[in-house]
Amino acid sequence: MEHGQPEALKLIPKKRFGQHFLIQKSAIRTIAEAALAAKAPHLLEIGPGPGVLTEPLLADGRPLWAVDLDPDAIAVLAQRFQGVPHFHPVLGDAVLAPLDFGGPFSVVGNLPYNAATAILTRFLVADIPWERMVFMFQLEVGQKLLGRPGEKEYGPLSILAQLCCRLTRLLKLGPGAFRPAPKVDSAVLLFEPRADAVPRAQRRALLAFLHTSFGHRRKTLANNWQVRFTPDQARSLLAASALAPAIRAEAVPPAAWPDLFNLSRTFATPS
């Protein structure tokens, strides 16, 4: 395996792909170790870029699939790690491309800022077998995912993520940890599946219900639900859930949402 990156294999970051390559060695080591701590038989890397995480992941010996939208990145990786039989570079969009490589996976990625939430949402709702995820986000997105009731960061994706996973912030990184330096700080989060997670088959519908409930943050749930329920249905749903008539979505804790969602499905959507 190639342990350095010769000048000929240097990858130029492209703005259209939202590329900011991680260069801080201590962060690379922490992220790789967190991903490799899982017992999953396969590894999946999203947005490998020039391969700074790919190299320590491959050294573990497990089969690794690396998915990148940038054909230049895939060409660099294919050349850099040629002859490594357990390496599988894949050209594709991690939001949409088939990820039917087997699994279960330990998933890791320095996610492009412009697609990070879409990629995370896919891994939360789609039928992709994973045992652990270690993802880099813009700090603001990381704070939203960790948001608590009553905080401005708290919203649909944070609720879904917290209902499906145990979240831990592993790192906070400044712009200097990347090339080129972004204008924002970044955060690395660890996602571990909850034993009591919402069933995968319900997650898309639950997320849609959450987006409706948070449609206008300063409005009450009853007002936001007008697009889905009649006023009488909304009042009945709140009463059956022992929630105040004027409660807002931001005040409802994550644990209360699955029952609220399941109860809501007993009401017919107004025509």
C-alpha atoms as a PDB file:
ATOM      1  CA  MET A   1       0.000   0.000   0.000  1.00  0.00           C
ATOM      2  CA  GLU A   2       1.160   3.512  -0.800  1.00  0.00           C
ATOM      3  CA  HIS A   3       1.997   5.339   2.436  1.00  0.00           C
ATOM      4  CA  GLY A   4       2.634   8.759   0.984  1.00  0.00           C
ATOM      5  CA  GLN A   5       0.922  10.779  -1.700  1.00  0.00           C
ATOM      6  CA  PRO A   6       3.314  11.680  -4.538  1.00  0.00           C
ATOM      7  CA  GLU A   7       2.903  15.034  -6.248  1.00  0.00           C
ATOM      8  CA  ALA A   8       1.341  13.310  -9.272  1.00  0.00           C
ATOM      9  CA  LEU A   9      -1.493  12.062  -7.077  1.00  0.00           C
ATOM     10  CA  LYS A  10      -2.363  15.388  -5.447  1.00  0.00           C
ATOM     11  CA  LEU A  11      -6.077  16.158  -5.689  1.00  0.00           C
ATOM     12  CA  ILE A  12      -7.202  19.752  -6.221  1.00  0.00           C
ATOM     13  CA  PRO A  13     -10.240  20.616  -4.032  1.00  0.00           C
ATOM     14  CA  LYS A  14     -13.288  21.630  -6.066  1.00  0.00           C
ATOM     15  CA  LYS A  15     -15.804  24.164  -4.780  1.00  0.00           C
ATOM     16  CA  ARG A  16     -18.689  22.571  -6.686  1.00  0.00           C
ATOM     17  CA  PHE A  17     -18.244  19.385  -4.652  1.00  0.00           C
ATOM     18  CA  GLY A  18     -17.912  21.274  -1.365  1.00  0.00           C
ATOM     19  CA  GLN A  19     -14.477  19.753  -0.845  1.00  0.00           C
ATOM     20  CA  HIS A  20     -12.375  20.695   2.174  1.00  0.00           C
ATOM     21  CA  PHE A  21      -9.740  18.031   2.759  1.00  0.00           C
ATOM     22  CA  LEU A  22      -8.808  17.150   6.324  1.00  0.00           C
ATOM     23  CA  ILE A  23      -5.089  17.575   6.998  1.00  0.00           C
ATOM     24  CA  GLN A  24      -4.849  17.539  10.813  1.00  0.00           C
ATOM     25  CA  LYS A  25      -3.130  14.249  11.675  1.00  0.00           C
ATOM     26  CA  SER A  26      -4.542  13.932  15.184  1.00  0.00           C
ATOM     27  CA  ALA A  27      -8.085  14.340  13.837  1.00  0.00           C
ATOM     28  CA  ILE A  28      -7.457  11.781  11.097  1.00  0.00           C
ATOM     29  CA  ARG A  29      -6.245   9.316  13.720  1.00  0.00           C
ATOM     30  CA  THR A  30      -9.207   9.943  16.052  1.00  0.00           C
ATOM     31  CA  ILE A  31     -11.788   9.536  13.278  1.00  0.00           C
ATOM     32  CA  ALA A  32     -10.212   6.372  11.886  1.00  0.00           C
ATOM     33  CA  GLU A  33      -9.922   4.803  15.340  1.00  0.00           C
ATOM     34  CA  ALA A  34     -13.555   5.603  16.117  1.00  0.00           C
ATOM     35  CA  ALA A  35     -14.724   3.979  12.881  1.00  0.00           C
ATOM     36  CA  LEU A  36     -12.518   0.922  13.326  1.00  0.00           C
ATOM     37  CA  ALA A  37     -13.731   0.363  16.901  1.00  0.00           C
ATOM     38  CA  ALA A  38     -16.911  -1.147  15.440  1.00  0.00           C
ATOM     39  CA  LYS A  39     -17.019  -4.900  14.887  1.00  0.00           C
ATOM     40  CA  ALA A  40     -18.758  -4.531  11.517  1.00  0.00           C
ATOM     41  CA  PRO A  41     -17.192  -6.825   8.895  1.00  0.00           C
ATOM     42  CA  HIS A  42     -17.165  -4.138   6.187  1.00  0.00           C
ATOM     43  CA  LEU A  43     -16.192  -0.465   6.009  1.00  0.00           C
ATOM     44  CA  LEU A  44     -17.842   2.296   3.977  1.00  0.00           C
ATOM     45  CA  GLU A  45     -16.259   5.699   3.455  1.00  0.00           C
ATOM     46  CA  ILE A  46     -18.239   8.638   2.102  1.00  0.00           C
ATOM     47  CA  GLY A  47     -16.342  11.422   0.348  1.00  0.00           C
ATOM     48  CA  PRO A  48     -12.804  10.020   0.678  1.00  0.00           C
ATOM     49  CA  GLY A  49     -11.195  12.774  -1.409  1.00  0.00           C
ATOM     50  CA  PRO A  50      -7.446  12.162  -1.605  1.00  0.00           C
ATOM     51  CA  GLY A  51      -7.588   9.269   0.857  1.00  0.00           C
ATOM     52  CA  VAL A  52      -6.234  10.582   4.155  1.00  0.00           C
ATOM     53  CA  LEU A  53      -8.789   8.472   6.054  1.00  0.00           C
ATOM     54  CA  THR A  54      -8.769   5.712   3.455  1.00  0.00           C
ATOM     55  CA  GLU A  55      -5.178   4.756   4.224  1.00  0.00           C
ATOM     56  CA  PRO A  56      -5.605   3.974   7.955  1.00  0.00           C
ATOM     57  CA  LEU A  57      -8.960   2.304   7.246  1.00  0.00           C
ATOM     58  CA  LEU A  58      -7.386  -0.005   4.677  1.00  0.00           C
ATOM     59  CA  ALA A  59      -4.563  -0.852   7.069  1.00  0.00           C
ATOM     60  CA  ASP A  60      -7.160  -2.577   9.249  1.00  0.00           C
ATOM     61  CA  GLY A  61      -7.661  -5.206   6.543  1.00  0.00           C
ATOM     62  CA  ARG A  62     -11.466  -5.180   6.288  1.00  0.00           C
ATOM     63  CA  PRO A  63     -13.094  -4.677   2.863  1.00  0.00           C
ATOM     64  CA  LEU A  64     -13.567  -0.963   2.249  1.00  0.00           C
ATOM     65  CA  TRP A  65     -15.896   0.707  -0.224  1.00  0.00           C
ATOM     66  CA  ALA A  66     -15.116   4.404  -0.822  1.00  0.00           C
ATOM     67  CA  VAL A  67     -17.851   6.442  -2.540  1.00  0.00           C
ATOM     68  CA  ASP A  68     -17.059   9.821  -4.093  1.00  0.00           C
ATOM     69  CA  LEU A  69     -18.872  12.052  -6.582  1.00  0.00           C
ATOM     70  CA  ASP A  70     -15.594  13.470  -7.912  1.00  0.00           C
ATOM     71  CA  PRO A  71     -14.149  11.331 -10.746  1.00  0.00           C
ATOM     72  CA  ASP A  72     -10.703  12.842 -10.131  1.00  0.00           C
ATOM     73  CA  ALA A  73     -10.821  11.634  -6.518  1.00  0.00           C
ATOM     74  CA  ILE A  74     -11.751   8.125  -7.627  1.00  0.00           C
ATOM     75  CA  ALA A  75      -8.899   8.139 -10.162  1.00  0.00           C
ATOM     76  CA  VAL A  76      -6.422   9.261  -7.504  1.00  0.00           C
ATOM     77  CA  LEU A  77      -7.620   6.618  -5.036  1.00  0.00           C
ATOM     78  CA  ALA A  78      -7.569   3.845  -7.634  1.00  0.00           C
ATOM     79  CA  GLN A  79      -3.973   4.690  -8.482  1.00  0.00           C
ATOM     80  CA  ARG A  80      -2.815   5.362  -4.948  1.00  0.00           C
ATOM     81  CA  PHE A  81      -4.156   2.073  -3.573  1.00  0.00           C
ATOM     82  CA  GLN A  82      -3.809  -0.090  -6.641  1.00  0.00           C
ATOM     83  CA  GLY A  83      -3.029  -3.663  -5.748  1.00  0.00           C
ATOM     84  CA  VAL A  84      -4.940  -3.509  -2.457  1.00  0.00           C
ATOM     85  CA  PRO A  85      -7.464  -6.327  -2.974  1.00  0.00           C
ATOM     86  CA  HIS A  86      -9.917  -5.262  -0.270  1.00  0.00           C
ATOM     87  CA  PHE A  87     -10.268  -1.693  -1.615  1.00  0.00           C
ATOM     88  CA  HIS A  88     -13.295  -0.809  -3.756  1.00  0.00           C
ATOM     89  CA  PRO A  89     -13.472   2.794  -5.052  1.00  0.00           C
ATOM     90  CA  VAL A  90     -16.963   3.747  -6.255  1.00  0.00           C
ATOM     91  CA  LEU A  91     -17.867   6.771  -8.377  1.00  0.00           C
ATOM     92  CA  GLY A  92     -21.287   7.982  -7.296  1.00  0.00           C
ATOM     93  CA  ASP A  93     -23.459  10.356  -5.317  1.00  0.00           C
ATOM     94  CA  ALA A  94     -23.856   9.100  -1.751  1.00  0.00           C
ATOM     95  CA  VAL A  95     -27.301  10.716  -1.605  1.00  0.00           C
ATOM     96  CA  LEU A  96     -28.676   8.616  -4.468  1.00  0.00           C
ATOM     97  CA  ALA A  97     -26.248   5.926  -5.662  1.00  0.00           C
ATOM     98  CA  PRO A  98     -26.903   2.251  -4.841  1.00  0.00           C
ATOM     99  CA  LEU A  99     -24.987   1.221  -1.728  1.00  0.00           C
ATOM    100  CA  ASP A 100     -25.718  -2.491  -1.969  1.00  0.00           C
ATOM    101  CA  PHE A 101     -22.218  -3.660  -1.138  1.00  0.00           C
ATOM    102  CA  GLY A 102     -23.190  -6.104   1.573  1.00  0.00           C
ATOM    103  CA  GLY A 103     -22.507  -5.026   5.111  1.00  0.00           C
ATOM    104  CA  PRO A 104     -23.050  -4.494   7.928  1.00  0.00           C
ATOM    105  CA  PHE A 105     -20.820  -1.437   7.732  1.00  0.00           C
ATOM    106  CA  SER A 106     -18.926   0.903   9.907  1.00  0.00           C
ATOM    107  CA  VAL A 107     -19.484   4.148   7.999  1.00  0.00           C
ATOM    108  CA  VAL A 108     -17.129   7.112   8.079  1.00  0.00           C
ATOM    109  CA  GLY A 109     -16.921  10.346   6.167  1.00  0.00           C
ATOM    110  CA  ASN A 110     -15.762  13.933   6.008  1.00  0.00           C
ATOM    111  CA  LEU A 111     -19.088  14.887   4.466  1.00  0.00           C
ATOM    112  CA  PRO A 112     -19.337  17.715   1.921  1.00  0.00           C
ATOM    113  CA  TYR A 113     -21.158  20.559   3.642  1.00  0.00           C
ATOM    114  CA  ASN A 114     -23.624  20.983   0.766  1.00  0.00           C
ATOM    115  CA  ALA A 115     -24.885  17.391   1.026  1.00  0.00           C
ATOM    116  CA  ALA A 116     -24.231  16.407   4.641  1.00  0.00           C
ATOM    117  CA  THR A 117     -27.806  16.464   5.940  1.00  0.00           C
ATOM    118  CA  ALA A 118     -29.121  14.649   2.863  1.00  0.00           C
ATOM    119  CA  ILE A 119     -26.497  11.916   3.289  1.00  0.00           C
ATOM    120  CA  LEU A 120     -27.203  11.515   6.998  1.00  0.00           C
ATOM    121  CA  THR A 121     -30.961  11.410   6.366  1.00  0.00           C
ATOM    122  CA  ARG A 122     -30.462   8.621   3.853  1.00  0.00           C
ATOM    123  CA  PHE A 123     -28.502   6.516   6.325  1.00  0.00           C
ATOM    124  CA  LEU A 124     -31.146   7.065   8.981  1.00  0.00           C
ATOM    125  CA  VAL A 125     -34.180   6.166   6.869  1.00  0.00           C
ATOM    126  CA  ALA A 126     -32.945   3.852   4.095  1.00  0.00           C
ATOM    127  CA  ASP A 127     -32.387   0.106   4.382  1.00  0.00           C
ATOM    128  CA  ILE A 128     -28.586   0.326   4.647  1.00  0.00           C
ATOM    129  CA  PRO A 129     -27.063  -1.984   7.258  1.00  0.00           C
ATOM    130  CA  TRP A 130     -24.660  -0.094   9.501  1.00  0.00           C
ATOM    131  CA  GLU A 131     -23.362  -0.630  13.013  1.00  0.00           C
ATOM    132  CA  ARG A 132     -21.669   2.737  13.552  1.00  0.00           C
ATOM    133  CA  MET A 133     -21.281   6.050  11.741  1.00  0.00           C
ATOM    134  CA  VAL A 134     -18.581   8.658  12.234  1.00  0.00           C
ATOM    135  CA  PHE A 135     -19.390  11.795  10.250  1.00  0.00           C
ATOM    136  CA  MET A 136     -17.897  15.260   9.911  1.00  0.00           C
ATOM    137  CA  PHE A 137     -20.345  18.167   9.684  1.00  0.00           C
ATOM    138  CA  GLN A 138     -20.288  21.917   9.669  1.00  0.00           C
ATOM    139  CA  LEU A 139     -20.389  22.819  13.379  1.00  0.00           C
ATOM    140  CA  GLU A 140     -23.818  24.433  13.036  1.00  0.00           C
ATOM    141  CA  VAL A 141     -25.255  21.185  11.647  1.00  0.00           C
ATOM    142  CA  GLY A 142     -23.597  19.181  14.403  1.00  0.00           C
ATOM    143  CA  GLN A 143     -25.158  21.476  17.007  1.00  0.00           C
ATOM    144  CA  LYS A 144     -28.579  21.024  15.413  1.00  0.00           C
ATOM    145  CA  LEU A 145     -28.253  17.255  15.563  1.00  0.00           C
ATOM    146  CA  LEU A 146     -27.414  17.486  19.268  1.00  0.00           C
ATOM    147  CA  GLY A 147     -30.157  20.063  19.933  1.00  0.00           C
ATOM    148  CA  ARG A 148     -32.425  19.719  22.965  1.00  0.00           C
ATOM    149  CA  PRO A 149     -36.054  20.762  23.480  1.00  0.00           C
ATOM    150  CA  GLY A 150     -36.413  24.514  23.787  1.00  0.00           C
ATOM    151  CA  GLU A 151     -33.168  25.230  21.924  1.00  0.00           C
ATOM    152  CA  LYS A 152     -33.203  26.913  18.518  1.00  0.00           C
ATOM    153  CA  GLU A 153     -31.118  24.050  17.121  1.00  0.00           C
ATOM    154  CA  TYR A 154     -33.761  21.467  18.026  1.00  0.00           C
ATOM    155  CA  GLY A 155     -35.734  20.278  15.021  1.00  0.00           C
ATOM    156  CA  PRO A 156     -36.895  17.363  12.830  1.00  0.00           C
ATOM    157  CA  LEU A 157     -33.495  15.890  11.969  1.00  0.00           C
ATOM    158  CA  SER A 158     -32.163  16.141  15.523  1.00  0.00           C
ATOM    159  CA  ILE A 159     -35.264  14.352  16.813  1.00  0.00           C
ATOM    160  CA  LEU A 160     -35.031  11.570  14.224  1.00  0.00           C
ATOM    161  CA  ALA A 161     -31.294  11.131  14.810  1.00  0.00           C
ATOM    162  CA  GLN A 162     -31.736  11.005  18.588  1.00  0.00           C
ATOM    163  CA  LEU A 163     -34.604   8.503  18.293  1.00  0.00           C
ATOM    164  CA  CYS A 164     -32.458   6.227  16.132  1.00  0.00           C
ATOM    165  CA  CYS A 165     -28.988   6.731  17.598  1.00  0.00           C
ATOM    166  CA  ARG A 166     -26.874   7.623  20.566  1.00  0.00           C
ATOM    167  CA  LEU A 167     -24.915  10.704  19.504  1.00  0.00           C
ATOM    168  CA  THR A 168     -21.493  11.707  20.811  1.00  0.00           C
ATOM    169  CA  ARG A 169     -19.425  14.685  19.711  1.00  0.00           C
ATOM    170  CA  LEU A 170     -15.887  13.441  19.224  1.00  0.00           C
ATOM    171  CA  LEU A 171     -14.162  16.550  17.893  1.00  0.00           C
ATOM    172  CA  LYS A 172     -14.554  20.227  17.200  1.00  0.00           C
ATOM    173  CA  LEU A 173     -12.198  21.432  14.474  1.00  0.00           C
ATOM    174  CA  GLY A 174     -11.266  24.914  13.325  1.00  0.00           C
ATOM    175  CA  PRO A 175     -10.717  25.970   9.707  1.00  0.00           C
ATOM    176  CA  GLY A 176      -6.975  25.304   9.953  1.00  0.00           C
ATOM    177  CA  ALA A 177      -7.594  21.558  10.100  1.00  0.00           C
ATOM    178  CA  PHE A 178      -8.556  21.580   6.408  1.00  0.00           C
ATOM    179  CA  ARG A 179      -7.250  22.430   2.958  1.00  0.00           C
ATOM    180  CA  PRO A 180      -8.607  24.796   1.778  1.00  0.00           C
ATOM    181  CA  ALA A 181      -9.686  26.302   5.085  1.00  0.00           C
ATOM    182  CA  PRO A 182     -13.496  26.661   5.279  1.00  0.00           C
ATOM    183  CA  LYS A 183     -15.076  29.765   6.749  1.00  0.00           C
ATOM    184  CA  VAL A 184     -16.716  27.775   9.554  1.00  0.00           C
ATOM    185  CA  ASP A 185     -15.799  25.351  12.315  1.00  0.00           C
ATOM    186  CA  SER A 186     -16.573  21.653  12.001  1.00  0.00           C
ATOM    187  CA  ALA A 187     -17.693  18.857  14.307  1.00  0.00           C
ATOM    188  CA  VAL A 188     -17.238  15.095  14.195  1.00  0.00           C
ATOM    189  CA  LEU A 189     -20.150  13.081  15.570  1.00  0.00           C
ATOM    190  CA  LEU A 190     -20.373   9.403  16.448  1.00  0.00           C
ATOM    191  CA  PHE A 191     -23.702   7.658  15.782  1.00  0.00           C
ATOM    192  CA  GLU A 192     -24.420   4.347  17.489  1.00  0.00           C
ATOM    193  CA  PRO A 193     -27.789   2.617  16.923  1.00  0.00           C
ATOM    194  CA  ARG A 194     -30.255   2.569  19.801  1.00  0.00           C
ATOM    195  CA  ALA A 195     -31.738  -0.756  20.854  1.00  0.00           C
ATOM    196  CA  ASP A 196     -35.133   0.978  21.126  1.00  0.00           C
ATOM    197  CA  ALA A 197     -34.820   2.874  17.838  1.00  0.00           C
ATOM    198  CA  VAL A 198     -37.904   3.766  15.814  1.00  0.00           C
ATOM    199  CA  PRO A 199     -38.513   0.952  13.279  1.00  0.00           C
ATOM    200  CA  ARG A 200     -36.848   1.783   9.988  1.00  0.00           C
ATOM    201  CA  ALA A 201     -40.085   1.273   8.065  1.00  0.00           C
ATOM    202  CA  GLN A 202     -41.662   4.197   9.963  1.00  0.00           C
ATOM    203  CA  ARG A 203     -38.844   6.709   9.740  1.00  0.00           C
ATOM    204  CA  ARG A 204     -39.679   8.466   6.460  1.00  0.00           C
ATOM    205  CA  ALA A 205     -43.266   9.054   7.534  1.00  0.00           C
ATOM    206  CA  LEU A 206     -42.145  10.165  10.997  1.00  0.00           C
ATOM    207  CA  LEU A 207     -39.707  12.661   9.471  1.00  0.00           C
ATOM    208  CA  ALA A 208     -42.469  14.061   7.249  1.00  0.00           C
ATOM    209  CA  PHE A 209     -44.700  14.412  10.323  1.00  0.00           C
ATOM    210  CA  LEU A 210     -41.891  16.225  12.135  1.00  0.00           C
ATOM    211  CA  HIS A 211     -41.365  18.635   9.254  1.00  0.00           C
ATOM    212  CA  THR A 212     -45.086  19.426   9.281  1.00  0.00           C
ATOM    213  CA  SER A 213     -45.014  19.922  13.052  1.00  0.00           C
ATOM    214  CA  PHE A 214     -42.058  22.332  12.809  1.00  0.00           C
ATOM    215  CA  GLY A 215     -43.391  24.049   9.672  1.00  0.00           C
ATOM    216  CA  HIS A 216     -43.419  27.442  11.397  1.00  0.00           C
ATOM    217  CA  ARG A 217     -41.399  27.324  14.588  1.00  0.00           C
ATOM    218  CA  ARG A 218     -43.256  30.142  16.350  1.00  0.00           C
ATOM    219  CA  LYS A 219     -46.655  28.618  15.637  1.00  0.00           C
ATOM    220  CA  THR A 220     -48.323  26.076  17.876  1.00  0.00           C
ATOM    221  CA  LEU A 221     -48.532  22.430  16.886  1.00  0.00           C
ATOM    222  CA  ALA A 222     -52.267  22.836  16.339  1.00  0.00           C
ATOM    223  CA  ASN A 223     -51.665  25.637  13.840  1.00  0.00           C
ATOM    224  CA  ASN A 224     -48.915  23.782  12.004  1.00  0.00           C
ATOM    225  CA  TRP A 225     -51.124  20.707  11.782  1.00  0.00           C
ATOM    226  CA  GLN A 226     -53.842  22.558   9.879  1.00  0.00           C
ATOM    227  CA  VAL A 227     -52.352  21.239   6.627  1.00  0.00           C
ATOM    228  CA  ARG A 228     -52.859  17.684   7.889  1.00  0.00           C
ATOM    229  CA  PHE A 229     -55.754  17.674  10.368  1.00  0.00           C
ATOM    230  CA  THR A 230     -58.966  19.499  11.064  1.00  0.00           C
ATOM    231  CA  PRO A 231     -58.935  21.759  14.148  1.00  0.00           C
ATOM    232  CA  ASP A 232     -61.018  19.179  16.048  1.00  0.00           C
ATOM    233  CA  GLN A 233     -58.586  16.403  15.119  1.00  0.00           C
ATOM    234  CA  ALA A 234     -55.623  18.501  16.227  1.00  0.00           C
ATOM    235  CA  ARG A 235     -57.266  19.260  19.584  1.00  0.00           C
ATOM    236  CA  SER A 236     -58.126  15.590  20.076  1.00  0.00           C
ATOM    237  CA  LEU A 237     -54.600  14.495  19.226  1.00  0.00           C
ATOM    238  CA  LEU A 238     -53.053  16.930  21.695  1.00  0.00           C
ATOM    239  CA  ALA A 239     -55.517  15.939  24.415  1.00  0.00           C
ATOM    240  CA  ALA A 240     -54.930  12.216  23.847  1.00  0.00           C
ATOM    241  CA  SER A 241     -51.173  12.841  24.110  1.00  0.00           C
ATOM    242  CA  ALA A 242     -51.577  14.895  27.308  1.00  0.00           C
ATOM    243  CA  LEU A 243     -50.040  17.932  25.594  1.00  0.00           C
ATOM    244  CA  ALA A 244     -51.118  21.513  26.206  1.00  0.00           C
ATOM    245  CA  PRO A 245     -53.407  22.995  23.524  1.00  0.00           C
ATOM    246  CA  ALA A 246     -50.929  25.814  22.771  1.00  0.00           C
ATOM    247  CA  ILE A 247     -47.705  23.766  22.862  1.00  0.00           C
ATOM    248  CA  ARG A 248     -45.072  24.297  20.184  1.00  0.00           C
ATOM    249  CA  ALA A 249     -43.106  21.514  18.522  1.00  0.00           C
ATOM    250  CA  GLU A 250     -39.844  22.725  20.037  1.00  0.00           C
ATOM    251  CA  ALA A 251     -41.183  21.949  23.530  1.00  0.00           C
ATOM    252  CA  VAL A 252     -41.944  18.269  22.836  1.00  0.00           C
ATOM    253  CA  PRO A 253     -39.059  15.954  23.858  1.00  0.00           C
ATOM    254  CA  PRO A 254     -37.783  13.293  21.447  1.00  0.00           C
ATOM    255  CA  ALA A 255     -39.217  10.392  23.482  1.00  0.00           C
ATOM    256  CA  ALA A 256     -42.764  11.752  23.067  1.00  0.00           C
ATOM    257  CA  TRP A 257     -42.724  11.943  19.271  1.00  0.00           C
ATOM    258  CA  PRO A 258     -43.103   8.229  18.349  1.00  0.00           C
ATOM    259  CA  ASP A 259     -46.349   7.884  20.342  1.00  0.00           C
ATOM    260  CA  LEU A 260     -47.594  11.223  19.027  1.00  0.00           C
ATOM    261  CA  PHE A 261     -46.825  10.131  15.461  1.00  0.00           C
ATOM    262  CA  ASN A 262     -48.464   6.722  15.868  1.00  0.00           C
ATOM    263  CA  LEU A 263     -51.553   8.295  17.402  1.00  0.00           C
ATOM    264  CA  SER A 264     -51.715  10.825  14.558  1.00  0.00           C
ATOM    265  CA  ARG A 265     -51.996   7.985  12.043  1.00  0.00           C
ATOM    266  CA  THR A 266     -55.389   7.069  13.496  1.00  0.00           C
ATOM    267  CA  PHE A 267     -56.778  10.396  12.276  1.00  0.00           C
ATOM    268  CA  ALA A 268     -57.841  10.763   8.668  1.00  0.00           C
ATOM    269  CA  THR A 269     -56.101  13.505   6.746  1.00  0.00           C
ATOM    270  CA  PRO A 270     -58.704  16.086   5.675  1.00  0.00           C
ATOM    271  CA  SER A 271     -59.471  16.123   1.965  1.00  0.00           C
END
